[in-house]
Amino acid sequence: NKLVHASLSFIMGMRSGRKLYGNADSFIINKANQNRYITLCMPPISEPLAFISEHIAHYIENIGIEHIYIGTHFQWDKEDDYREKLIERIQPWYDRGLVTIWPHE
């Protein structure tokens, strides 16, 4: 079996001066044998969905996704409040470094 490695040539999430929010290295590519094989990129959400924790649990615990990038596109006047609510809802996986929030505001 041959492994194919791809690298990103841009800084993800910084195109508009926005940073990524997470507790993990968002780009693990064979760093001390911590290969990440299966990741999921979600399209941007406009509010912290009530069912997001079930969604995250399903993909990580049942399907075996190793890392999830959650795109956000919150209203500018609700951005901080919505991000805090989102983090509360995904706290167990966020704290373990399994989820990264990628703002698109």
C-alpha atoms as a PDB file:
ATOM      1  CA  ASN A   1       0.000   0.000   0.000  1.00  0.00           C
ATOM      2  CA  LYS A   2       1.258   3.405  -0.921  1.00  0.00           C
ATOM      3  CA  LEU A   3       0.341   6.445   1.128  1.00  0.00           C
ATOM      4  CA  VAL A   4      -0.315   9.701  -0.628  1.00  0.00           C
ATOM      5  CA  HIS A   5       0.448  12.848   1.341  1.00  0.00           C
ATOM      6  CA  ALA A   6      -0.840  16.273   0.426  1.00  0.00           C
ATOM      7  CA  SER A   7       0.228  19.533   1.941  1.00  0.00           C
ATOM      8  CA  LEU A   8      -1.577  22.847   1.984  1.00  0.00           C
ATOM      9  CA  SER A   9       0.229  25.835   0.558  1.00  0.00           C
ATOM     10  CA  PHE A  10      -1.902  28.484   2.239  1.00  0.00           C
ATOM     11  CA  ILE A  11      -2.888  29.408   5.755  1.00  0.00           C
ATOM     12  CA  MET A  12      -6.392  28.050   6.203  1.00  0.00           C
ATOM     13  CA  GLY A  13      -8.797  30.428   7.894  1.00  0.00           C
ATOM     14  CA  MET A  14      -6.588  33.486   7.611  1.00  0.00           C
ATOM     15  CA  ARG A  15      -7.843  34.803   4.277  1.00  0.00           C
ATOM     16  CA  SER A  16      -9.792  37.562   6.026  1.00  0.00           C
ATOM     17  CA  GLY A  17      -7.669  37.853   9.140  1.00  0.00           C
ATOM     18  CA  ARG A  18      -9.712  35.195  10.973  1.00  0.00           C
ATOM     19  CA  LYS A  19      -8.031  32.554  13.075  1.00  0.00           C
ATOM     20  CA  LEU A  20      -9.022  28.946  13.615  1.00  0.00           C
ATOM     21  CA  TYR A  21     -10.375  27.963  17.037  1.00  0.00           C
ATOM     22  CA  GLY A  22      -9.347  24.587  18.410  1.00  0.00           C
ATOM     23  CA  ASN A  23      -7.159  22.629  20.812  1.00  0.00           C
ATOM     24  CA  ALA A  24      -5.249  20.574  18.243  1.00  0.00           C
ATOM     25  CA  ASP A  25      -2.754  21.063  15.483  1.00  0.00           C
ATOM     26  CA  SER A  26      -5.141  21.585  12.605  1.00  0.00           C
ATOM     27  CA  PHE A  27      -2.671  20.184  10.086  1.00  0.00           C
ATOM     28  CA  ILE A  28      -1.218  16.944  11.411  1.00  0.00           C
ATOM     29  CA  ILE A  29       0.662  15.396   8.524  1.00  0.00           C
ATOM     30  CA  ASN A  30       2.898  12.586   9.801  1.00  0.00           C
ATOM     31  CA  LYS A  31       3.982  14.508  12.875  1.00  0.00           C
ATOM     32  CA  ALA A  32       5.486  11.911  15.234  1.00  0.00           C
ATOM     33  CA  ASN A  33       3.351   9.184  13.626  1.00  0.00           C
ATOM     34  CA  GLN A  34       0.109  11.030  14.343  1.00  0.00           C
ATOM     35  CA  ASN A  35      -1.245  10.639  10.840  1.00  0.00           C
ATOM     36  CA  ARG A  36      -4.783  11.799  10.382  1.00  0.00           C
ATOM     37  CA  TYR A  37      -6.555   9.637   7.835  1.00  0.00           C
ATOM     38  CA  ILE A  38     -10.212  10.661   7.943  1.00  0.00           C
ATOM     39  CA  THR A  39     -11.332  14.263   8.416  1.00  0.00           C
ATOM     40  CA  LEU A  40     -14.652  15.948   7.766  1.00  0.00           C
ATOM     41  CA  CYS A  41     -15.117  19.549   6.646  1.00  0.00           C
ATOM     42  CA  MET A  42     -18.604  20.878   7.330  1.00  0.00           C
ATOM     43  CA  PRO A  43     -20.022  23.736   5.283  1.00  0.00           C
ATOM     44  CA  PRO A  44     -20.407  26.983   7.263  1.00  0.00           C
ATOM     45  CA  ILE A  45     -23.293  27.141   9.718  1.00  0.00           C
ATOM     46  CA  SER A  46     -25.012  30.456  10.495  1.00  0.00           C
ATOM     47  CA  GLU A  47     -26.034  29.626  14.070  1.00  0.00           C
ATOM     48  CA  PRO A  48     -24.953  27.152  16.774  1.00  0.00           C
ATOM     49  CA  LEU A  49     -27.379  24.373  15.856  1.00  0.00           C
ATOM     50  CA  ALA A  50     -29.125  22.618  18.747  1.00  0.00           C
ATOM     51  CA  PHE A  51     -28.397  19.156  17.277  1.00  0.00           C
ATOM     52  CA  ILE A  52     -24.699  19.789  16.552  1.00  0.00           C
ATOM     53  CA  SER A  53     -23.518  17.621  19.469  1.00  0.00           C
ATOM     54  CA  GLU A  54     -25.407  14.591  18.124  1.00  0.00           C
ATOM     55  CA  HIS A  55     -23.945  15.250  14.681  1.00  0.00           C
ATOM     56  CA  ILE A  56     -20.382  15.421  16.037  1.00  0.00           C
ATOM     57  CA  ALA A  57     -20.884  12.348  18.264  1.00  0.00           C
ATOM     58  CA  HIS A  58     -22.230  10.329  15.340  1.00  0.00           C
ATOM     59  CA  TYR A  59     -19.339  11.102  13.017  1.00  0.00           C
ATOM     60  CA  ILE A  60     -16.561  10.704  15.604  1.00  0.00           C
ATOM     61  CA  GLU A  61     -17.892   7.857  17.756  1.00  0.00           C
ATOM     62  CA  ASN A  62     -19.905   5.813  15.219  1.00  0.00           C
ATOM     63  CA  ILE A  63     -18.226   6.414  11.860  1.00  0.00           C
ATOM     64  CA  GLY A  64     -14.660   6.971  13.065  1.00  0.00           C
ATOM     65  CA  ILE A  65     -13.958  10.446  11.704  1.00  0.00           C
ATOM     66  CA  GLU A  66     -10.724  11.570  13.382  1.00  0.00           C
ATOM     67  CA  HIS A  67     -11.133  15.344  13.100  1.00  0.00           C
ATOM     68  CA  ILE A  68     -13.957  17.692  12.112  1.00  0.00           C
ATOM     69  CA  TYR A  69     -13.628  21.245  10.806  1.00  0.00           C
ATOM     70  CA  ILE A  70     -16.808  23.231  11.467  1.00  0.00           C
ATOM     71  CA  GLY A  71     -17.194  26.247   9.238  1.00  0.00           C
ATOM     72  CA  THR A  72     -19.089  29.197  10.709  1.00  0.00           C
ATOM     73  CA  HIS A  73     -20.673  32.223   9.091  1.00  0.00           C
ATOM     74  CA  PHE A  74     -22.229  34.043  12.039  1.00  0.00           C
ATOM     75  CA  GLN A  75     -23.771  37.519  11.956  1.00  0.00           C
ATOM     76  CA  TRP A  76     -21.134  40.048  12.981  1.00  0.00           C
ATOM     77  CA  ASP A  77     -23.121  41.251  16.008  1.00  0.00           C
ATOM     78  CA  LYS A  78     -23.673  37.682  17.300  1.00  0.00           C
ATOM     79  CA  GLU A  79     -20.302  36.178  16.408  1.00  0.00           C
ATOM     80  CA  ASP A  80     -18.793  35.923  19.927  1.00  0.00           C
ATOM     81  CA  ASP A  81     -22.026  34.771  21.561  1.00  0.00           C
ATOM     82  CA  TYR A  82     -22.696  32.138  18.894  1.00  0.00           C
ATOM     83  CA  ARG A  83     -19.112  30.834  19.004  1.00  0.00           C
ATOM     84  CA  GLU A  84     -19.344  30.432  22.799  1.00  0.00           C
ATOM     85  CA  LYS A  85     -22.644  28.533  22.443  1.00  0.00           C
ATOM     86  CA  LEU A  86     -21.155  26.340  19.736  1.00  0.00           C
ATOM     87  CA  ILE A  87     -18.124  25.502  21.895  1.00  0.00           C
ATOM     88  CA  GLU A  88     -20.427  24.675  24.836  1.00  0.00           C
ATOM     89  CA  ARG A  89     -22.365  22.244  22.652  1.00  0.00           C
ATOM     90  CA  ILE A  90     -19.275  20.471  21.317  1.00  0.00           C
ATOM     91  CA  GLN A  91     -17.134  20.861  24.484  1.00  0.00           C
ATOM     92  CA  PRO A  92     -16.064  17.200  24.977  1.00  0.00           C
ATOM     93  CA  TRP A  93     -14.714  16.886  21.430  1.00  0.00           C
ATOM     94  CA  TYR A  94     -13.390  20.464  21.303  1.00  0.00           C
ATOM     95  CA  ASP A  95     -11.413  19.922  24.532  1.00  0.00           C
ATOM     96  CA  ARG A  96      -9.935  16.677  23.153  1.00  0.00           C
ATOM     97  CA  GLY A  97      -8.764  18.490  20.018  1.00  0.00           C
ATOM     98  CA  LEU A  98     -11.104  16.577  17.703  1.00  0.00           C
ATOM     99  CA  VAL A  99     -12.948  19.646  16.378  1.00  0.00           C
ATOM    100  CA  THR A 100     -11.644  22.906  14.891  1.00  0.00           C
ATOM    101  CA  ILE A 101     -13.884  25.905  14.298  1.00  0.00           C
ATOM    102  CA  TRP A 102     -13.117  27.636  11.006  1.00  0.00           C
ATOM    103  CA  PRO A 103     -14.734  31.124  10.840  1.00  0.00           C
ATOM    104  CA  HIS A 104     -15.844  32.396   7.438  1.00  0.00           C
ATOM    105  CA  GLU A 105     -17.196  35.726   8.689  1.00  0.00           C
END
